[in-house]
Each structure stands twice: as C-alpha cells, then as structure tokens.
Amino acid sequence: MEDIQYNKVEATIIGAGGLAREIDSWIEKDSKTNYKITGFWDDNISALDNYTISKKILGNLNDSQITGSVLIGIMDSNFKGIIFERLKSLSSVSISTFLHESVIIGLRTTIGEGVILFPNVIVSCDVQIGKGCFINLGSQIGHDVKIGDFASIMPNVDLGGGVELGNNVFIGTGATILPGVKIASNTRIGAGSVVLKSIKKEGTYFGNPAKKIF
C-alpha cells in the first residue's frame, strides 16, 4: 500500500545561519509537519556555500520578494524583533509557528505567533509564551511560566514554575532558573548559570549563583 501524500505549505526561512539550518533540518525530519521549506533569506548570500544543502538563498532580508509563509531563524532577540515587526506589517507575509512532533504541551498553555519549539521540549500547564520565541532541544518549562516576546532559550534549560521572562531575554545552554524568579527584559543568562533570585536590571549574568558581569 502506498503512503498517503498530504499537501504541504511551502515556506521559507528568514536567516541562513546555524539556527535557520537547524529549523530546516528538523522540519524535514518531522513526519507530521505541514511545511515544505523552499529556501532561505539572508544578507550573506554565501552563507550556505560550505554546506551540501539543496535549498538556496533567495534574496536578502529586505527583499521585496519575501511573500507567503515564513519561519524566523534568527537567534539575536533584538534583531529578531525588528525583522518580525517589519514582516508583520506586510500583508503578503504570514509568520508561521513550528512545534516539533516530539514537543509536549500541558493544558491551558498559550503560544504566540512565530514561536519555534525544537525536539523534546516540555511545556507544562498554564504557560504563556510570547510571539517570536525560540526554545531549543530538551528544555523544560514549568507551570505558570510567562515568557515575553522574542526570547531565545538554548538547549536543556530548566525554567522552574512561575518564572517570568521579560522581552528579548536570552537563556544560555543548561541554565537553571529557580521557581518564581523574574528576569528583566533585554537580559542574557550565560550557559550553565543558576539564577536564584529575580533580576531587575538588564545585563549579562553568569555563574552559580548568577551574577552580573556586564
């Protein structure tokens, strides 16, 4: 018996760096996704030259030809926000969301436009995830967590119950944020850090316990 072939939505990826290529890879390997990636948009037209990838860079990030469904593969939270809002203003563009088939999501959780969740992410109940957020491999999001817009959360991060992240927050690989902690917008938490108490002033924090270094 032949496999049934479902119609897929053609989509392109904004960016062509490591994150964008990862998105392309996970979509291609996801048996349940309804996306078919047809290319990338990036200001560096040679970004894919060293990779054996069949898809091409279709134009730069300001190209007037960007239309249809797009996924945003940009790591930098502030730049991602700028690109998101510009694309959002274009009636010809639809900003898409991708949740890998292995993701687990609890009840009453809300997920914003353009969110991307990589394999084995676990999101508990009553969580709010803002628009344009990215959560990488194996991260765990506890109950009642609130994540602001354009957050970037790296692999194996643990956000305890009731954690609140402001907008444009970056959480490095393997970091742990204890329950109830609040982190100010535009803050970066270094890889492996443990945040024991709320952070009210934006900056870069690192260590166990995490302390402001910049």
N, C-alpha and C. Protein backbone atom coordinates (compact mmCIF):
# COMPACT_ATOMS: atom_id res chain seq x y z
N MET A 1 0.84 -1.20 0.00
CA MET A 1 0.00 0.00 0.00
C MET A 1 0.88 1.25 0.00
N GLU A 2 0.59 2.19 -0.89
CA GLU A 2 1.39 3.39 -0.99
C GLU A 2 1.08 4.35 0.16
N ASP A 3 2.13 5.09 0.59
CA ASP A 3 1.92 6.10 1.62
C ASP A 3 1.06 7.22 1.06
N ILE A 4 0.17 7.74 1.90
CA ILE A 4 -0.65 8.87 1.50
C ILE A 4 0.20 10.13 1.52
N GLN A 5 0.16 10.93 0.48
CA GLN A 5 0.93 12.16 0.39
C GLN A 5 0.00 13.35 0.65
N TYR A 6 0.22 14.04 1.74
CA TYR A 6 -0.60 15.19 2.08
C TYR A 6 0.01 16.46 1.48
N ASN A 7 -0.86 17.41 1.12
CA ASN A 7 -0.38 18.69 0.63
C ASN A 7 0.30 19.45 1.75
N LYS A 8 1.45 20.02 1.45
CA LYS A 8 2.20 20.77 2.45
C LYS A 8 2.27 22.24 2.06
N VAL A 9 2.39 23.08 3.07
CA VAL A 9 2.51 24.52 2.86
C VAL A 9 3.96 24.85 2.54
N GLU A 10 4.19 25.49 1.42
CA GLU A 10 5.55 25.92 1.10
C GLU A 10 5.91 27.12 1.97
N ALA A 11 7.09 27.06 2.57
CA ALA A 11 7.54 28.12 3.47
C ALA A 11 9.01 28.39 3.24
N THR A 12 9.44 29.59 3.60
CA THR A 12 10.85 29.94 3.55
C THR A 12 11.31 30.34 4.95
N ILE A 13 12.62 30.37 5.14
CA ILE A 13 13.19 30.68 6.45
C ILE A 13 13.95 31.99 6.38
N ILE A 14 13.68 32.86 7.34
CA ILE A 14 14.38 34.13 7.44
C ILE A 14 15.68 33.89 8.20
N GLY A 15 16.80 34.11 7.51
CA GLY A 15 18.12 33.77 8.04
C GLY A 15 18.64 32.51 7.37
N ALA A 16 19.97 32.34 7.40
CA ALA A 16 20.58 31.14 6.82
C ALA A 16 21.77 30.68 7.64
N GLY A 17 21.80 31.08 8.91
CA GLY A 17 22.86 30.65 9.81
C GLY A 17 22.54 29.32 10.45
N GLY A 18 23.23 29.02 11.55
CA GLY A 18 23.05 27.72 12.20
C GLY A 18 21.63 27.44 12.63
N LEU A 19 20.98 28.42 13.26
CA LEU A 19 19.61 28.21 13.73
C LEU A 19 18.67 27.96 12.56
N ALA A 20 18.81 28.73 11.50
CA ALA A 20 17.94 28.56 10.34
C ALA A 20 18.12 27.18 9.71
N ARG A 21 19.37 26.72 9.63
CA ARG A 21 19.61 25.39 9.07
C ARG A 21 19.07 24.29 9.97
N GLU A 22 19.13 24.52 11.29
CA GLU A 22 18.53 23.55 12.21
C GLU A 22 17.02 23.47 12.03
N ILE A 23 16.38 24.61 11.88
CA ILE A 23 14.93 24.61 11.65
C ILE A 23 14.60 23.81 10.40
N ASP A 24 15.35 24.07 9.34
CA ASP A 24 15.14 23.33 8.09
C ASP A 24 15.31 21.83 8.30
N SER A 25 16.34 21.45 9.04
CA SER A 25 16.62 20.03 9.28
C SER A 25 15.50 19.36 10.07
N TRP A 26 15.05 20.01 11.15
CA TRP A 26 14.03 19.39 11.99
C TRP A 26 12.68 19.33 11.27
N ILE A 27 12.39 20.32 10.45
CA ILE A 27 11.15 20.26 9.67
C ILE A 27 11.20 19.12 8.67
N GLU A 28 12.34 18.96 8.02
CA GLU A 28 12.46 17.89 7.02
C GLU A 28 12.34 16.51 7.65
N LYS A 29 12.79 16.37 8.91
CA LYS A 29 12.75 15.07 9.58
C LYS A 29 11.47 14.85 10.39
N ASP A 30 10.61 15.85 10.44
CA ASP A 30 9.37 15.76 11.21
C ASP A 30 8.28 15.15 10.33
N SER A 31 7.83 13.97 10.67
CA SER A 31 6.88 13.25 9.82
C SER A 31 5.48 13.86 9.84
N LYS A 32 5.21 14.73 10.83
CA LYS A 32 3.86 15.27 10.97
C LYS A 32 3.74 16.74 10.56
N THR A 33 4.84 17.37 10.22
CA THR A 33 4.77 18.79 9.89
C THR A 33 4.02 19.00 8.58
N ASN A 34 3.41 20.18 8.46
CA ASN A 34 2.73 20.51 7.21
C ASN A 34 3.51 21.52 6.38
N TYR A 35 4.82 21.70 6.72
CA TYR A 35 5.65 22.65 5.99
C TYR A 35 6.60 21.95 5.02
N LYS A 36 6.85 22.62 3.91
CA LYS A 36 7.90 22.23 2.98
C LYS A 36 8.77 23.47 2.75
N ILE A 37 10.02 23.41 3.22
CA ILE A 37 10.91 24.56 3.11
C ILE A 37 11.47 24.64 1.69
N THR A 38 11.38 25.83 1.10
CA THR A 38 11.81 26.01 -0.28
C THR A 38 13.04 26.90 -0.42
N GLY A 39 13.48 27.54 0.66
CA GLY A 39 14.67 28.38 0.56
C GLY A 39 14.84 29.28 1.77
N PHE A 40 15.88 30.11 1.71
CA PHE A 40 16.25 30.99 2.82
C PHE A 40 16.37 32.43 2.32
N TRP A 41 16.29 33.37 3.28
CA TRP A 41 16.57 34.78 3.02
C TRP A 41 17.67 35.23 3.97
N ASP A 42 18.73 35.82 3.43
CA ASP A 42 19.84 36.23 4.29
C ASP A 42 20.67 37.29 3.57
N ASP A 43 21.23 38.23 4.35
CA ASP A 43 22.07 39.27 3.75
C ASP A 43 23.42 38.73 3.29
N ASN A 44 23.84 37.59 3.84
CA ASN A 44 25.09 36.95 3.43
C ASN A 44 24.75 35.91 2.36
N ILE A 45 24.93 36.27 1.11
CA ILE A 45 24.49 35.39 0.03
C ILE A 45 25.33 34.11 -0.08
N SER A 46 26.49 34.08 0.59
CA SER A 46 27.34 32.90 0.55
C SER A 46 27.24 32.06 1.83
N ALA A 47 26.23 32.32 2.65
CA ALA A 47 26.11 31.65 3.95
C ALA A 47 26.00 30.14 3.85
N LEU A 48 25.51 29.63 2.73
CA LEU A 48 25.31 28.19 2.57
C LEU A 48 26.38 27.52 1.70
N ASP A 49 27.38 28.28 1.29
CA ASP A 49 28.35 27.77 0.32
C ASP A 49 29.11 26.54 0.82
N ASN A 50 29.32 26.43 2.12
CA ASN A 50 30.11 25.32 2.66
C ASN A 50 29.27 24.13 3.11
N TYR A 51 27.99 24.14 2.73
CA TYR A 51 27.09 23.07 3.17
C TYR A 51 26.45 22.40 1.96
N THR A 52 26.29 21.09 2.06
CA THR A 52 25.64 20.34 0.98
C THR A 52 24.14 20.37 1.20
N ILE A 53 23.56 21.50 0.92
CA ILE A 53 22.13 21.71 1.11
C ILE A 53 21.54 22.14 -0.21
N SER A 54 20.45 21.50 -0.59
CA SER A 54 19.88 21.74 -1.91
C SER A 54 19.15 23.07 -2.01
N LYS A 55 18.67 23.57 -0.88
CA LYS A 55 17.91 24.82 -0.90
C LYS A 55 18.86 26.01 -1.03
N LYS A 56 18.38 27.08 -1.61
CA LYS A 56 19.22 28.23 -1.91
C LYS A 56 18.79 29.47 -1.11
N ILE A 57 19.69 30.45 -1.08
CA ILE A 57 19.33 31.77 -0.55
C ILE A 57 18.63 32.53 -1.67
N LEU A 58 17.41 32.93 -1.39
CA LEU A 58 16.54 33.52 -2.41
C LEU A 58 16.73 35.02 -2.56
N GLY A 59 17.29 35.65 -1.53
CA GLY A 59 17.49 37.09 -1.55
C GLY A 59 17.86 37.57 -0.16
N ASN A 60 18.00 38.90 0.01
CA ASN A 60 18.39 39.43 1.31
C ASN A 60 17.18 39.67 2.20
N LEU A 61 17.44 40.11 3.43
CA LEU A 61 16.38 40.23 4.43
C LEU A 61 15.41 41.37 4.14
N ASN A 62 15.78 42.26 3.24
CA ASN A 62 14.88 43.36 2.86
C ASN A 62 14.28 43.15 1.48
N ASP A 63 14.40 41.95 0.97
CA ASP A 63 13.94 41.67 -0.38
C ASP A 63 12.42 41.83 -0.48
N SER A 64 11.99 42.55 -1.49
CA SER A 64 10.55 42.77 -1.69
C SER A 64 9.84 41.50 -2.14
N GLN A 65 10.62 40.47 -2.51
CA GLN A 65 10.03 39.22 -2.98
C GLN A 65 9.64 38.28 -1.84
N ILE A 66 9.93 38.65 -0.58
CA ILE A 66 9.54 37.81 0.55
C ILE A 66 8.02 37.81 0.66
N THR A 67 7.42 36.67 0.42
CA THR A 67 5.97 36.53 0.49
C THR A 67 5.62 35.17 1.07
N GLY A 68 4.36 34.99 1.39
CA GLY A 68 3.87 33.70 1.86
C GLY A 68 4.29 33.38 3.28
N SER A 69 4.34 32.09 3.57
CA SER A 69 4.64 31.61 4.92
C SER A 69 6.15 31.66 5.18
N VAL A 70 6.53 32.27 6.32
CA VAL A 70 7.95 32.34 6.69
C VAL A 70 8.12 31.90 8.14
N LEU A 71 9.27 31.29 8.42
CA LEU A 71 9.69 30.99 9.79
C LEU A 71 10.95 31.80 10.06
N ILE A 72 11.04 32.39 11.24
CA ILE A 72 12.16 33.27 11.54
C ILE A 72 13.26 32.49 12.25
N GLY A 73 14.40 32.35 11.56
CA GLY A 73 15.54 31.60 12.08
C GLY A 73 16.68 32.50 12.48
N ILE A 74 16.39 33.51 13.30
CA ILE A 74 17.39 34.47 13.76
C ILE A 74 17.53 34.34 15.27
N MET A 75 18.75 34.21 15.75
CA MET A 75 19.00 33.98 17.17
C MET A 75 18.90 35.26 18.00
N ASP A 76 19.52 36.34 17.53
CA ASP A 76 19.58 37.57 18.30
C ASP A 76 18.17 38.11 18.55
N SER A 77 17.79 38.23 19.82
CA SER A 77 16.41 38.57 20.17
C SER A 77 16.00 39.95 19.66
N ASN A 78 16.87 40.94 19.81
CA ASN A 78 16.51 42.29 19.39
C ASN A 78 16.36 42.39 17.88
N PHE A 79 17.32 41.81 17.15
CA PHE A 79 17.24 41.84 15.70
C PHE A 79 16.04 41.04 15.21
N LYS A 80 15.78 39.92 15.88
CA LYS A 80 14.62 39.10 15.53
C LYS A 80 13.33 39.91 15.68
N GLY A 81 13.25 40.70 16.74
CA GLY A 81 12.06 41.53 16.95
C GLY A 81 11.86 42.55 15.85
N ILE A 82 12.96 43.16 15.41
CA ILE A 82 12.89 44.15 14.33
C ILE A 82 12.39 43.50 13.04
N ILE A 83 12.98 42.35 12.71
CA ILE A 83 12.58 41.64 11.49
C ILE A 83 11.13 41.19 11.59
N PHE A 84 10.74 40.67 12.75
CA PHE A 84 9.37 40.19 12.96
C PHE A 84 8.37 41.31 12.69
N GLU A 85 8.59 42.47 13.30
CA GLU A 85 7.63 43.56 13.17
C GLU A 85 7.57 44.09 11.74
N ARG A 86 8.72 44.10 11.05
CA ARG A 86 8.70 44.55 9.65
C ARG A 86 7.90 43.58 8.79
N LEU A 87 8.13 42.28 8.98
CA LEU A 87 7.39 41.29 8.20
C LEU A 87 5.91 41.31 8.55
N LYS A 88 5.61 41.55 9.81
CA LYS A 88 4.22 41.58 10.26
C LYS A 88 3.45 42.69 9.57
N SER A 89 4.15 43.75 9.19
CA SER A 89 3.48 44.88 8.54
C SER A 89 3.16 44.62 7.07
N LEU A 90 3.68 43.51 6.52
CA LEU A 90 3.48 43.20 5.11
C LEU A 90 2.28 42.26 4.96
N SER A 91 1.30 42.68 4.21
CA SER A 91 0.09 41.87 4.04
C SER A 91 0.36 40.59 3.27
N SER A 92 1.48 40.55 2.53
CA SER A 92 1.78 39.38 1.70
C SER A 92 2.53 38.29 2.46
N VAL A 93 2.87 38.55 3.74
CA VAL A 93 3.68 37.61 4.52
C VAL A 93 2.88 37.07 5.69
N SER A 94 3.02 35.77 5.93
CA SER A 94 2.42 35.12 7.10
C SER A 94 3.53 34.52 7.94
N ILE A 95 3.66 34.98 9.19
CA ILE A 95 4.71 34.47 10.09
C ILE A 95 4.21 33.17 10.73
N SER A 96 4.93 32.09 10.49
CA SER A 96 4.47 30.77 10.89
C SER A 96 5.09 30.29 12.19
N THR A 97 4.43 29.33 12.81
CA THR A 97 4.86 28.69 14.05
C THR A 97 5.21 27.24 13.75
N PHE A 98 6.27 26.73 14.39
CA PHE A 98 6.64 25.32 14.21
C PHE A 98 6.88 24.68 15.57
N LEU A 99 6.10 23.64 15.87
CA LEU A 99 6.27 22.84 17.07
C LEU A 99 6.63 21.43 16.63
N HIS A 100 7.83 20.97 16.95
CA HIS A 100 8.24 19.63 16.54
C HIS A 100 7.29 18.59 17.11
N GLU A 101 7.13 17.49 16.38
CA GLU A 101 6.17 16.46 16.77
C GLU A 101 6.44 15.85 18.15
N SER A 102 7.67 15.96 18.65
CA SER A 102 8.01 15.37 19.95
C SER A 102 7.74 16.31 21.13
N VAL A 103 7.36 17.54 20.84
CA VAL A 103 7.10 18.52 21.90
C VAL A 103 5.87 18.10 22.72
N ILE A 104 5.96 18.29 24.04
CA ILE A 104 4.84 18.01 24.95
C ILE A 104 4.36 19.34 25.53
N ILE A 105 3.06 19.59 25.42
CA ILE A 105 2.49 20.86 25.90
C ILE A 105 1.32 20.57 26.83
N GLY A 106 1.35 21.19 28.01
CA GLY A 106 0.31 20.99 29.00
C GLY A 106 -0.96 21.79 28.70
N LEU A 107 -1.96 21.57 29.52
CA LEU A 107 -3.25 22.22 29.34
C LEU A 107 -3.17 23.73 29.61
N ARG A 108 -4.03 24.46 28.90
CA ARG A 108 -4.23 25.91 29.11
C ARG A 108 -2.97 26.73 28.83
N THR A 109 -2.09 26.19 28.04
CA THR A 109 -0.89 26.92 27.64
C THR A 109 -1.16 27.67 26.35
N THR A 110 -0.68 28.91 26.26
CA THR A 110 -0.87 29.72 25.06
C THR A 110 0.49 29.99 24.41
N ILE A 111 0.50 29.90 23.09
CA ILE A 111 1.74 30.04 22.33
C ILE A 111 1.56 31.13 21.29
N GLY A 112 2.46 32.10 21.28
CA GLY A 112 2.34 33.25 20.40
C GLY A 112 2.73 32.96 18.96
N GLU A 113 2.47 33.93 18.13
CA GLU A 113 2.76 33.83 16.70
C GLU A 113 4.27 33.71 16.46
N GLY A 114 4.64 32.84 15.54
CA GLY A 114 6.03 32.72 15.14
C GLY A 114 6.93 31.98 16.12
N VAL A 115 6.35 31.30 17.09
CA VAL A 115 7.15 30.53 18.06
C VAL A 115 7.70 29.27 17.40
N ILE A 116 8.92 28.89 17.78
CA ILE A 116 9.55 27.67 17.28
C ILE A 116 10.03 26.84 18.46
N LEU A 117 9.53 25.61 18.56
CA LEU A 117 9.91 24.69 19.63
C LEU A 117 10.60 23.47 19.02
N PHE A 118 11.84 23.24 19.41
CA PHE A 118 12.64 22.14 18.88
C PHE A 118 12.30 20.82 19.58
N PRO A 119 12.88 19.70 19.10
CA PRO A 119 12.54 18.39 19.66
C PRO A 119 12.74 18.29 21.17
N ASN A 120 11.83 17.52 21.78
CA ASN A 120 11.90 17.13 23.19
C ASN A 120 11.75 18.28 24.18
N VAL A 121 11.21 19.39 23.72
CA VAL A 121 10.85 20.47 24.64
C VAL A 121 9.59 20.06 25.39
N ILE A 122 9.57 20.33 26.69
CA ILE A 122 8.40 20.04 27.52
C ILE A 122 7.89 21.36 28.11
N VAL A 123 6.63 21.66 27.83
CA VAL A 123 5.99 22.87 28.34
C VAL A 123 4.84 22.43 29.22
N SER A 124 4.86 22.83 30.48
CA SER A 124 3.84 22.40 31.43
C SER A 124 2.54 23.19 31.23
N CYS A 125 1.65 23.11 32.21
CA CYS A 125 0.34 23.73 32.10
C CYS A 125 0.36 25.22 32.45
N ASP A 126 -0.61 25.95 31.90
CA ASP A 126 -0.84 27.36 32.24
C ASP A 126 0.36 28.25 31.95
N VAL A 127 1.07 27.92 30.89
CA VAL A 127 2.25 28.68 30.46
C VAL A 127 1.84 29.68 29.38
N GLN A 128 2.50 30.83 29.37
CA GLN A 128 2.30 31.83 28.32
C GLN A 128 3.63 32.07 27.61
N ILE A 129 3.65 31.81 26.31
CA ILE A 129 4.86 32.03 25.50
C ILE A 129 4.56 33.13 24.49
N GLY A 130 5.32 34.21 24.55
CA GLY A 130 5.09 35.35 23.68
C GLY A 130 5.48 35.10 22.24
N LYS A 131 5.20 36.07 21.40
CA LYS A 131 5.46 35.94 19.96
C LYS A 131 6.96 35.90 19.67
N GLY A 132 7.29 35.17 18.60
CA GLY A 132 8.66 35.14 18.11
C GLY A 132 9.67 34.44 18.99
N CYS A 133 9.21 33.65 19.96
CA CYS A 133 10.15 32.97 20.86
C CYS A 133 10.70 31.70 20.22
N PHE A 134 11.89 31.32 20.67
CA PHE A 134 12.54 30.10 20.21
C PHE A 134 13.02 29.32 21.42
N ILE A 135 12.65 28.03 21.50
CA ILE A 135 13.08 27.18 22.61
C ILE A 135 13.75 25.95 22.02
N ASN A 136 15.00 25.74 22.41
CA ASN A 136 15.85 24.72 21.80
C ASN A 136 15.71 23.36 22.50
N LEU A 137 16.45 22.40 21.99
CA LEU A 137 16.35 20.98 22.34
C LEU A 137 16.29 20.70 23.85
N GLY A 138 15.29 19.93 24.25
CA GLY A 138 15.25 19.36 25.59
C GLY A 138 14.99 20.31 26.73
N SER A 139 14.64 21.55 26.45
CA SER A 139 14.38 22.49 27.54
C SER A 139 13.04 22.18 28.20
N GLN A 140 12.94 22.50 29.50
CA GLN A 140 11.73 22.23 30.26
C GLN A 140 11.18 23.53 30.85
N ILE A 141 9.91 23.77 30.58
CA ILE A 141 9.25 24.99 31.01
C ILE A 141 8.19 24.62 32.04
N GLY A 142 8.36 25.09 33.28
CA GLY A 142 7.47 24.71 34.37
C GLY A 142 6.11 25.38 34.30
N HIS A 143 5.23 24.97 35.19
CA HIS A 143 3.86 25.50 35.23
C HIS A 143 3.86 27.00 35.52
N ASP A 144 2.90 27.69 34.93
CA ASP A 144 2.66 29.12 35.18
C ASP A 144 3.82 30.03 34.77
N VAL A 145 4.70 29.54 33.93
CA VAL A 145 5.80 30.37 33.42
C VAL A 145 5.24 31.37 32.40
N LYS A 146 5.79 32.58 32.42
CA LYS A 146 5.44 33.60 31.43
C LYS A 146 6.72 34.02 30.70
N ILE A 147 6.73 33.83 29.40
CA ILE A 147 7.90 34.15 28.58
C ILE A 147 7.52 35.30 27.66
N GLY A 148 8.25 36.41 27.76
CA GLY A 148 7.97 37.58 26.94
C GLY A 148 8.32 37.37 25.48
N ASP A 149 8.04 38.37 24.67
CA ASP A 149 8.26 38.27 23.22
C ASP A 149 9.75 38.13 22.89
N PHE A 150 10.02 37.35 21.84
CA PHE A 150 11.33 37.23 21.19
C PHE A 150 12.43 36.63 22.08
N ALA A 151 12.04 35.88 23.08
CA ALA A 151 13.03 35.18 23.91
C ALA A 151 13.72 34.09 23.09
N SER A 152 14.99 33.86 23.40
CA SER A 152 15.75 32.75 22.81
C SER A 152 16.27 31.88 23.94
N ILE A 153 15.82 30.63 23.98
CA ILE A 153 16.17 29.71 25.06
C ILE A 153 16.93 28.54 24.47
N MET A 154 18.16 28.36 24.91
CA MET A 154 19.05 27.35 24.36
C MET A 154 18.74 25.95 24.90
N PRO A 155 19.49 24.91 24.45
CA PRO A 155 19.18 23.54 24.86
C PRO A 155 19.29 23.31 26.36
N ASN A 156 18.43 22.40 26.84
CA ASN A 156 18.50 21.86 28.21
C ASN A 156 18.40 22.93 29.29
N VAL A 157 17.63 23.95 29.03
CA VAL A 157 17.34 24.97 30.04
C VAL A 157 16.17 24.50 30.89
N ASP A 158 16.20 24.83 32.18
CA ASP A 158 15.13 24.47 33.10
C ASP A 158 14.56 25.75 33.71
N LEU A 159 13.32 26.07 33.33
CA LEU A 159 12.62 27.21 33.92
C LEU A 159 11.64 26.67 34.95
N GLY A 160 11.87 26.97 36.23
CA GLY A 160 11.00 26.48 37.28
C GLY A 160 9.62 27.11 37.24
N GLY A 161 8.70 26.53 37.97
CA GLY A 161 7.33 27.02 38.00
C GLY A 161 7.25 28.49 38.38
N GLY A 162 6.40 29.23 37.67
CA GLY A 162 6.16 30.62 37.99
C GLY A 162 7.24 31.60 37.56
N VAL A 163 8.25 31.14 36.83
CA VAL A 163 9.29 32.04 36.32
C VAL A 163 8.66 33.01 35.32
N GLU A 164 9.16 34.24 35.32
CA GLU A 164 8.71 35.24 34.35
C GLU A 164 9.92 35.85 33.64
N LEU A 165 9.91 35.77 32.32
CA LEU A 165 10.96 36.37 31.50
C LEU A 165 10.39 37.58 30.77
N GLY A 166 11.12 38.69 30.78
CA GLY A 166 10.71 39.86 30.01
C GLY A 166 10.93 39.64 28.52
N ASN A 167 10.80 40.70 27.75
CA ASN A 167 11.02 40.62 26.31
C ASN A 167 12.51 40.55 25.98
N ASN A 168 12.84 39.89 24.88
CA ASN A 168 14.21 39.86 24.34
C ASN A 168 15.22 39.23 25.30
N VAL A 169 14.80 38.25 26.06
CA VAL A 169 15.69 37.58 27.01
C VAL A 169 16.37 36.40 26.32
N PHE A 170 17.66 36.22 26.62
CA PHE A 170 18.44 35.08 26.11
C PHE A 170 18.87 34.23 27.30
N ILE A 171 18.58 32.92 27.23
CA ILE A 171 18.98 31.99 28.29
C ILE A 171 19.92 30.95 27.68
N GLY A 172 21.16 30.90 28.17
CA GLY A 172 22.18 30.02 27.61
C GLY A 172 21.98 28.55 27.95
N THR A 173 22.68 27.71 27.22
CA THR A 173 22.56 26.26 27.34
C THR A 173 22.74 25.78 28.78
N GLY A 174 21.81 24.93 29.22
CA GLY A 174 21.93 24.29 30.52
C GLY A 174 21.69 25.17 31.72
N ALA A 175 21.21 26.38 31.51
CA ALA A 175 20.94 27.27 32.64
C ALA A 175 19.70 26.81 33.40
N THR A 176 19.67 27.12 34.69
CA THR A 176 18.53 26.80 35.54
C THR A 176 18.01 28.07 36.19
N ILE A 177 16.73 28.32 36.03
CA ILE A 177 16.09 29.48 36.65
C ILE A 177 15.13 28.95 37.71
N LEU A 178 15.39 29.26 38.97
CA LEU A 178 14.60 28.69 40.06
C LEU A 178 13.16 29.21 40.05
N PRO A 179 12.25 28.42 40.63
CA PRO A 179 10.83 28.80 40.63
C PRO A 179 10.59 30.21 41.17
N GLY A 180 9.69 30.92 40.49
CA GLY A 180 9.26 32.23 40.93
C GLY A 180 10.17 33.38 40.57
N VAL A 181 11.33 33.10 39.98
CA VAL A 181 12.28 34.15 39.62
C VAL A 181 11.75 34.96 38.43
N LYS A 182 11.96 36.28 38.49
CA LYS A 182 11.59 37.17 37.39
C LYS A 182 12.86 37.78 36.80
N ILE A 183 12.93 37.79 35.47
CA ILE A 183 14.12 38.29 34.78
C ILE A 183 13.73 39.45 33.87
N ALA A 184 14.44 40.57 34.01
CA ALA A 184 14.12 41.79 33.27
C ALA A 184 14.33 41.61 31.77
N SER A 185 13.62 42.41 31.00
CA SER A 185 13.78 42.41 29.55
C SER A 185 15.23 42.73 29.17
N ASN A 186 15.64 42.23 28.00
CA ASN A 186 16.97 42.50 27.42
C ASN A 186 18.11 41.96 28.27
N THR A 187 17.85 40.90 29.01
CA THR A 187 18.86 40.27 29.86
C THR A 187 19.37 39.00 29.20
N ARG A 188 20.67 38.73 29.38
CA ARG A 188 21.30 37.50 28.89
C ARG A 188 21.80 36.69 30.08
N ILE A 189 21.46 35.40 30.09
CA ILE A 189 21.92 34.49 31.14
C ILE A 189 22.90 33.51 30.50
N GLY A 190 24.11 33.44 31.04
CA GLY A 190 25.15 32.60 30.45
C GLY A 190 24.90 31.12 30.62
N ALA A 191 25.54 30.34 29.77
CA ALA A 191 25.39 28.88 29.79
C ALA A 191 25.76 28.31 31.15
N GLY A 192 24.95 27.37 31.63
CA GLY A 192 25.23 26.68 32.88
C GLY A 192 24.95 27.48 34.14
N SER A 193 24.46 28.68 33.99
CA SER A 193 24.21 29.53 35.17
C SER A 193 23.01 29.04 35.96
N VAL A 194 23.00 29.37 37.24
CA VAL A 194 21.86 29.08 38.11
C VAL A 194 21.39 30.41 38.69
N VAL A 195 20.16 30.78 38.35
CA VAL A 195 19.60 32.06 38.80
C VAL A 195 18.72 31.79 40.02
N LEU A 196 19.16 32.30 41.17
CA LEU A 196 18.49 32.02 42.44
C LEU A 196 17.47 33.08 42.82
N LYS A 197 17.67 34.30 42.32
CA LYS A 197 16.76 35.39 42.70
C LYS A 197 16.47 36.27 41.50
N SER A 198 15.43 37.06 41.61
CA SER A 198 14.97 37.87 40.48
C SER A 198 16.02 38.88 40.04
N ILE A 199 16.02 39.16 38.74
CA ILE A 199 16.94 40.12 38.13
C ILE A 199 16.12 41.31 37.65
N LYS A 200 16.34 42.47 38.25
CA LYS A 200 15.55 43.66 37.94
C LYS A 200 16.24 44.58 36.94
N LYS A 201 17.57 44.43 36.80
CA LYS A 201 18.32 45.31 35.91
C LYS A 201 18.88 44.52 34.75
N GLU A 202 18.62 44.97 33.53
CA GLU A 202 19.09 44.24 32.36
C GLU A 202 20.61 44.19 32.32
N GLY A 203 21.13 43.16 31.66
CA GLY A 203 22.57 42.98 31.55
C GLY A 203 22.88 41.54 31.25
N THR A 204 24.16 41.18 31.40
CA THR A 204 24.60 39.80 31.19
C THR A 204 24.98 39.21 32.54
N TYR A 205 24.41 38.04 32.86
CA TYR A 205 24.62 37.39 34.15
C TYR A 205 25.18 35.99 33.92
N PHE A 206 26.10 35.60 34.80
CA PHE A 206 26.75 34.30 34.62
C PHE A 206 27.18 33.75 35.97
N GLY A 207 27.15 32.41 36.08
CA GLY A 207 27.70 31.75 37.25
C GLY A 207 26.66 31.04 38.10
N ASN A 208 27.14 30.41 39.18
CA ASN A 208 26.29 29.71 40.14
C ASN A 208 26.71 30.13 41.55
N PRO A 209 25.96 31.07 42.14
CA PRO A 209 24.76 31.71 41.60
C PRO A 209 25.11 32.77 40.55
N ALA A 210 24.16 33.06 39.67
CA ALA A 210 24.40 34.01 38.59
C ALA A 210 24.62 35.42 39.14
N LYS A 211 25.66 36.08 38.61
CA LYS A 211 25.97 37.46 38.98
C LYS A 211 26.18 38.29 37.72
N LYS A 212 25.93 39.58 37.82
CA LYS A 212 26.06 40.48 36.68
C LYS A 212 27.53 40.65 36.32
N ILE A 213 27.86 40.41 35.05
CA ILE A 213 29.25 40.57 34.60
C ILE A 213 29.39 41.69 33.57
N PHE A 214 28.28 42.10 32.94
CA PHE A 214 28.31 43.22 32.00
C PHE A 214 27.05 44.06 32.19
